[in-house]
Amino acid sequence: MTTAAALPITDGHPLDQVHYREYKILLRPEHFTARQSFDEFWKVARHTAKELGVDTTTSADADDNFIREVLFYDTANFDLYNHCFILRKRTFYEHGWPRNEHELVLKFRHADADVAAAVDVRPTLSGEHKIKFKEELLLQHHELGGIRSTFSHGVELISPRITLESGLADIATTFPALRTLEVAPDARMALVNSVAVEEIETALGDLYFGHGLAAKATIAVWRNRATEASLAGEFAFQCKFRRYENLHKKALKLSEEFYRRVQLAARQWILLGTTKTAMVYGLGTSRVTNHE
């Protein structure tokens, strides 16, 4: 198995510094049968925040939903995902119609920050692209009130002219990081498990942890477009900053305490043991060795 450590360190400093910290809580799909479910969870979150002295504001757009189609592409043996890569296409909808542009993302996700930072995710295509290196805080696999960390190093392109249903070698000409995979270059890429995900997301509001640390909170539900079955919901809040080492320790501690406490306050909502991406990969029969 080829590891990311074999890849060259990028020379794009500060692209290899963490500038985001995103806290994610996966939620049981059966709770999301109507729009009011979003408001009900936000009420629980705001009550928990108040108990901890965390200020909140509710977004003026909290009643609006953003609809997207999310597609994952991989080989038949899941060679990307099993080596910690994720290739995702996301299309945005307005008034029921897809926008002309879409978002293509390649990310490498790993529990070791140095391993994640070592992957040069820059594309060969000319034009605008965005590098994001974030720490993701996730639920523990088997118990509430915990926290674990992983690091996501990714690149985002808007409407690139790339045929995703082609050989891995063709995709690797755009994303050189994939050339390290020990996979036949003619291995075909396809939609993972033939699943098209419909994502419905709402911007809930903001959380203020003090000392300049604030986070935007969202809630979303993923549904299988073919069956209209809900796969999972997710409550998330994300902080953006210039330098990780300058974040105030008390504010960081409070953000983590809120993350732990809201799990306990909403225990009947919580879905342990997986991630949204892992759920999509787990819907088929191909072997998954990446246990996020």
Protein backbone atom coordinates (compact mmCIF):
# COMPACT_ATOMS: atom_id res chain seq x y z
CA MET A 1 0.00 0.00 0.00
CA THR A 2 1.52 3.31 -1.06
CA THR A 3 1.42 5.97 1.63
CA ALA A 4 1.18 9.70 1.28
CA ALA A 5 4.59 10.09 2.88
CA ALA A 6 6.09 9.06 -0.45
CA LEU A 7 4.71 12.21 -2.05
CA PRO A 8 6.75 15.40 -2.26
CA ILE A 9 6.18 18.04 0.37
CA THR A 10 4.42 20.98 -1.24
CA ASP A 11 6.30 24.23 -1.67
CA GLY A 12 3.04 26.15 -1.31
CA HIS A 13 3.41 27.23 2.31
CA PRO A 14 1.04 28.29 3.91
CA LEU A 15 -1.19 25.91 1.94
CA ASP A 16 0.00 23.19 4.30
CA GLN A 17 -1.12 24.97 7.48
CA VAL A 18 -4.47 24.26 9.07
CA HIS A 19 -6.80 27.22 8.54
CA TYR A 20 -10.11 25.56 9.43
CA ARG A 21 -11.44 23.55 12.33
CA GLU A 22 -14.75 21.82 11.62
CA TYR A 23 -16.75 19.95 14.26
CA LYS A 24 -19.15 17.33 12.84
CA ILE A 25 -21.94 15.39 14.52
CA LEU A 26 -23.69 12.70 12.49
CA LEU A 27 -27.44 12.41 13.12
CA ARG A 28 -29.94 9.59 12.70
CA PRO A 29 -31.84 9.78 9.40
CA GLU A 30 -35.24 8.94 10.90
CA HIS A 31 -35.36 12.35 12.60
CA PHE A 32 -35.38 14.15 9.24
CA THR A 33 -38.86 13.80 7.85
CA ALA A 34 -39.68 17.52 7.68
CA ARG A 35 -37.98 20.92 7.59
CA GLN A 36 -38.87 21.59 11.23
CA SER A 37 -36.33 18.92 12.28
CA PHE A 38 -33.56 21.42 11.55
CA ASP A 39 -35.12 23.96 13.91
CA GLU A 40 -35.63 21.36 16.62
CA PHE A 41 -31.96 20.40 16.67
CA TRP A 42 -30.83 24.04 16.62
CA LYS A 43 -33.01 24.62 19.70
CA VAL A 44 -31.16 21.83 21.52
CA ALA A 45 -27.79 23.23 20.41
CA ARG A 46 -28.64 26.78 21.50
CA HIS A 47 -29.84 25.56 24.90
CA THR A 48 -26.54 23.69 25.40
CA ALA A 49 -24.61 26.78 24.31
CA LYS A 50 -26.48 28.96 26.80
CA GLU A 51 -25.63 26.58 29.65
CA LEU A 52 -21.93 26.91 28.79
CA GLY A 53 -21.97 30.66 28.27
CA VAL A 54 -21.54 30.40 24.49
CA ASP A 55 -23.34 33.22 22.68
CA THR A 56 -25.37 32.36 19.59
CA THR A 57 -27.14 34.19 16.79
CA THR A 58 -29.62 32.70 14.35
CA SER A 59 -29.08 33.34 10.66
CA ALA A 60 -31.55 35.53 8.80
CA ASP A 61 -31.49 32.80 6.14
CA ALA A 62 -32.24 29.97 8.58
CA ASP A 63 -35.52 29.24 6.80
CA ASP A 64 -33.79 28.79 3.44
CA ASN A 65 -32.57 25.43 2.16
CA PHE A 66 -29.62 24.89 -0.15
CA ILE A 67 -29.97 21.83 -2.38
CA ARG A 68 -26.97 20.08 -3.93
CA GLU A 69 -26.26 16.83 -5.71
CA VAL A 70 -23.20 15.01 -4.34
CA LEU A 71 -21.44 12.32 -6.39
CA PHE A 72 -18.38 10.24 -5.45
CA TYR A 73 -16.12 8.65 -8.05
CA ASP A 74 -13.72 5.76 -7.55
CA THR A 75 -12.49 2.52 -9.10
CA ALA A 76 -14.47 -0.72 -8.68
CA ASN A 77 -12.13 -1.72 -5.82
CA PHE A 78 -12.33 1.71 -4.15
CA ASP A 79 -8.62 2.30 -4.65
CA LEU A 80 -8.94 6.01 -3.89
CA TYR A 81 -10.97 5.75 -0.72
CA ASN A 82 -9.01 2.79 0.64
CA HIS A 83 -5.87 4.94 0.30
CA CYS A 84 -7.54 7.90 2.07
CA PHE A 85 -8.46 9.88 -1.07
CA ILE A 86 -11.95 11.19 -1.85
CA LEU A 87 -13.00 12.48 -5.28
CA ARG A 88 -16.32 14.33 -5.10
CA LYS A 89 -18.43 16.31 -7.54
CA ARG A 90 -21.07 18.65 -6.14
CA THR A 91 -23.71 20.45 -8.20
CA PHE A 92 -25.76 23.32 -6.77
CA TYR A 93 -29.45 23.83 -7.51
CA GLU A 94 -31.56 26.97 -7.63
CA HIS A 95 -35.37 26.79 -7.79
CA GLY A 96 -35.08 23.11 -8.71
CA TRP A 97 -32.63 23.65 -11.58
CA PRO A 98 -28.88 22.86 -11.57
CA ARG A 99 -26.47 25.74 -11.96
CA ASN A 100 -24.16 25.70 -14.96
CA GLU A 101 -21.08 25.39 -12.78
CA HIS A 102 -20.20 22.56 -10.42
CA GLU A 103 -17.56 21.94 -7.76
CA LEU A 104 -14.97 19.17 -8.07
CA VAL A 105 -12.94 18.29 -4.98
CA LEU A 106 -10.06 15.92 -4.38
CA LYS A 107 -9.12 15.51 -0.75
CA PHE A 108 -6.76 13.35 1.25
CA ARG A 109 -7.97 12.61 4.78
CA HIS A 110 -5.72 11.15 7.48
CA ALA A 111 -5.49 11.12 11.27
CA ASP A 112 -1.84 12.27 11.13
CA ALA A 113 -1.53 15.97 10.31
CA ASP A 114 1.99 15.60 8.93
CA VAL A 115 0.97 12.78 6.59
CA ALA A 116 -1.97 14.84 5.33
CA ALA A 117 0.19 17.94 4.87
CA ALA A 118 2.74 15.97 2.82
CA VAL A 119 0.25 15.30 0.03
CA ASP A 120 0.55 17.80 -2.82
CA VAL A 121 -3.08 18.13 -3.87
CA ARG A 122 -2.49 20.91 -6.40
CA PRO A 123 -3.96 20.21 -9.85
CA THR A 124 -2.17 20.57 -13.17
CA LEU A 125 -5.04 22.55 -14.70
CA SER A 126 -4.49 26.24 -15.12
CA GLY A 127 -7.04 28.57 -13.63
CA GLU A 128 -8.48 29.22 -10.23
CA HIS A 129 -8.46 26.57 -7.54
CA LYS A 130 -8.73 26.65 -3.78
CA ILE A 131 -6.61 24.65 -1.33
CA LYS A 132 -8.20 23.81 2.01
CA PHE A 133 -6.37 22.17 4.89
CA LYS A 134 -8.66 21.59 7.83
CA GLU A 135 -8.84 19.67 11.06
CA GLU A 136 -12.10 17.76 11.38
CA LEU A 137 -13.42 16.85 14.81
CA LEU A 138 -15.55 13.71 14.70
CA LEU A 139 -17.58 11.54 17.05
CA GLN A 140 -15.96 8.59 18.73
CA HIS A 141 -16.94 5.32 17.08
CA HIS A 142 -18.72 3.70 20.03
CA GLU A 143 -19.55 6.20 22.79
CA LEU A 144 -21.16 9.60 23.22
CA GLY A 145 -19.37 12.63 24.59
CA GLY A 146 -16.07 11.86 22.91
CA ILE A 147 -13.99 13.50 20.25
CA ARG A 148 -11.43 12.37 17.68
CA SER A 149 -9.49 14.27 15.09
CA THR A 150 -8.62 13.81 11.43
CA PHE A 151 -7.05 16.13 8.86
CA SER A 152 -8.37 16.90 5.40
CA HIS A 153 -6.03 18.33 2.75
CA GLY A 154 -8.01 19.11 -0.38
CA VAL A 155 -8.30 21.13 -3.55
CA GLU A 156 -11.49 22.58 -5.00
CA LEU A 157 -12.00 23.37 -8.69
CA ILE A 158 -15.03 25.05 -10.21
CA SER A 159 -16.43 23.47 -13.38
CA PRO A 160 -13.24 21.83 -14.68
CA ARG A 161 -13.57 20.08 -18.03
CA ILE A 162 -12.77 16.59 -16.79
CA THR A 163 -14.44 13.33 -17.79
CA LEU A 164 -14.77 11.47 -14.51
CA GLU A 165 -15.96 8.18 -16.02
CA SER A 166 -12.55 7.39 -17.51
CA GLY A 167 -9.34 5.59 -16.58
CA LEU A 168 -7.54 6.48 -13.38
CA ALA A 169 -4.51 7.54 -15.44
CA ASP A 170 -6.60 10.23 -17.13
CA ILE A 171 -7.79 11.61 -13.79
CA ALA A 172 -4.21 11.51 -12.46
CA THR A 173 -3.08 13.85 -15.24
CA THR A 174 -5.18 16.50 -13.48
CA PHE A 175 -4.45 15.33 -9.92
CA PRO A 176 -0.81 14.11 -9.80
CA ALA A 177 -1.23 13.02 -6.18
CA LEU A 178 -3.12 9.97 -7.49
CA ARG A 179 -0.10 8.76 -9.46
CA THR A 180 1.30 7.17 -6.30
CA LEU A 181 -1.51 4.62 -6.14
CA GLU A 182 -0.41 1.12 -7.10
CA VAL A 183 -3.34 0.60 -9.42
CA ALA A 184 -3.54 -0.37 -13.08
CA PRO A 185 -3.59 2.93 -15.01
CA ASP A 186 -6.54 1.77 -17.09
CA ALA A 187 -8.68 1.04 -14.01
CA ARG A 188 -12.01 2.66 -14.76
CA MET A 189 -13.59 5.32 -12.60
CA ALA A 190 -17.32 5.24 -11.91
CA LEU A 191 -20.01 6.61 -9.62
CA VAL A 192 -19.57 4.93 -6.23
CA ASN A 193 -22.26 2.28 -5.75
CA SER A 194 -24.35 4.10 -8.39
CA VAL A 195 -25.56 6.40 -5.60
CA ALA A 196 -26.45 10.03 -6.27
CA VAL A 197 -26.86 11.94 -3.01
CA GLU A 198 -29.25 14.84 -2.56
CA GLU A 199 -27.96 17.18 0.12
CA ILE A 200 -30.32 19.66 1.76
CA GLU A 201 -28.46 22.14 3.97
CA THR A 202 -29.44 25.13 6.08
CA ALA A 203 -27.22 27.80 7.61
CA LEU A 204 -28.39 27.87 11.24
CA GLY A 205 -26.37 30.72 12.70
CA ASP A 206 -23.17 31.49 14.58
CA LEU A 207 -21.52 30.35 17.78
CA TYR A 208 -19.16 32.65 19.74
CA PHE A 209 -16.59 31.00 22.00
CA GLY A 210 -14.82 34.20 23.01
CA HIS A 211 -11.35 35.59 22.33
CA GLY A 212 -12.19 36.05 18.64
CA LEU A 213 -13.12 32.41 18.00
CA ALA A 214 -16.46 32.10 16.21
CA ALA A 215 -18.04 29.35 14.12
CA LYS A 216 -20.75 29.13 11.50
CA ALA A 217 -23.24 26.35 12.24
CA THR A 218 -25.09 24.34 9.61
CA ILE A 219 -27.34 21.31 9.51
CA ALA A 220 -27.87 19.03 6.52
CA VAL A 221 -29.53 15.81 5.50
CA TRP A 222 -28.26 13.40 2.83
CA ARG A 223 -30.81 11.41 0.83
CA ASN A 224 -30.42 8.77 -1.83
CA ARG A 225 -31.91 10.36 -4.95
CA ALA A 226 -32.98 6.99 -6.40
CA THR A 227 -34.86 5.73 -3.35
CA GLU A 228 -35.55 9.08 -1.61
CA ALA A 229 -34.40 7.40 1.61
CA SER A 230 -32.56 9.58 4.12
CA LEU A 231 -29.01 8.34 4.72
CA ALA A 232 -28.00 10.63 7.59
CA GLY A 233 -28.16 14.12 8.96
CA GLU A 234 -25.22 16.20 10.13
CA PHE A 235 -24.82 19.15 12.47
CA ALA A 236 -21.54 20.97 11.91
CA PHE A 237 -19.84 24.18 12.97
CA GLN A 238 -16.63 25.51 11.45
CA CYS A 239 -14.05 28.05 12.59
CA LYS A 240 -11.69 29.81 10.19
CA PHE A 241 -8.44 31.41 11.33
CA ARG A 242 -5.05 32.58 10.11
CA ARG A 243 -2.75 30.67 12.46
CA TYR A 244 -3.71 27.67 14.53
CA GLU A 245 -1.07 28.31 17.20
CA ASN A 246 -2.53 31.77 17.90
CA LEU A 247 -5.98 30.46 18.85
CA HIS A 248 -6.84 31.17 22.47
CA LYS A 249 -6.67 28.02 24.60
CA LYS A 250 -9.77 28.87 26.64
CA ALA A 251 -11.80 29.44 23.48
CA LEU A 252 -10.62 26.14 21.99
CA LYS A 253 -11.43 24.32 25.22
CA LEU A 254 -14.92 25.85 25.28
CA SER A 255 -15.57 24.88 21.65
CA GLU A 256 -14.62 21.29 22.42
CA GLU A 257 -16.71 21.24 25.59
CA PHE A 258 -19.71 22.46 23.61
CA TYR A 259 -19.09 19.70 21.05
CA ARG A 260 -19.04 17.06 23.79
CA ARG A 261 -22.03 18.41 25.69
CA VAL A 262 -24.33 18.81 22.71
CA GLN A 263 -23.82 15.12 21.94
CA LEU A 264 -25.15 14.23 25.38
CA ALA A 265 -27.99 16.74 25.22
CA ALA A 266 -29.12 15.32 21.86
CA ARG A 267 -28.27 11.67 22.49
CA GLN A 268 -31.45 10.42 20.81
CA TRP A 269 -30.38 12.16 17.59
CA ILE A 270 -26.81 10.87 17.41
CA LEU A 271 -25.53 8.29 14.91
CA LEU A 272 -22.22 6.73 15.96
CA GLY A 273 -19.66 4.65 14.11
CA THR A 274 -19.45 6.18 10.65
CA THR A 275 -19.23 9.28 8.44
CA LYS A 276 -21.47 10.41 5.58
CA THR A 277 -18.89 9.40 2.98
CA ALA A 278 -18.34 6.02 4.63
CA MET A 279 -22.08 5.38 4.50
CA VAL A 280 -22.16 5.89 0.72
CA TYR A 281 -19.17 3.58 0.25
CA GLY A 282 -20.76 0.98 2.52
CA LEU A 283 -23.94 0.65 0.44
CA GLY A 284 -22.38 -1.79 -2.05
CA THR A 285 -20.53 -5.10 -1.94
CA SER A 286 -16.97 -3.96 -2.68
CA ARG A 287 -14.59 -4.24 0.25
CA VAL A 288 -13.92 -1.07 2.22
CA THR A 289 -10.71 -1.03 4.26
CA ASN A 290 -10.80 2.67 5.12
CA HIS A 291 -12.57 2.78 8.48
CA GLU A 292 -13.05 6.47 9.14
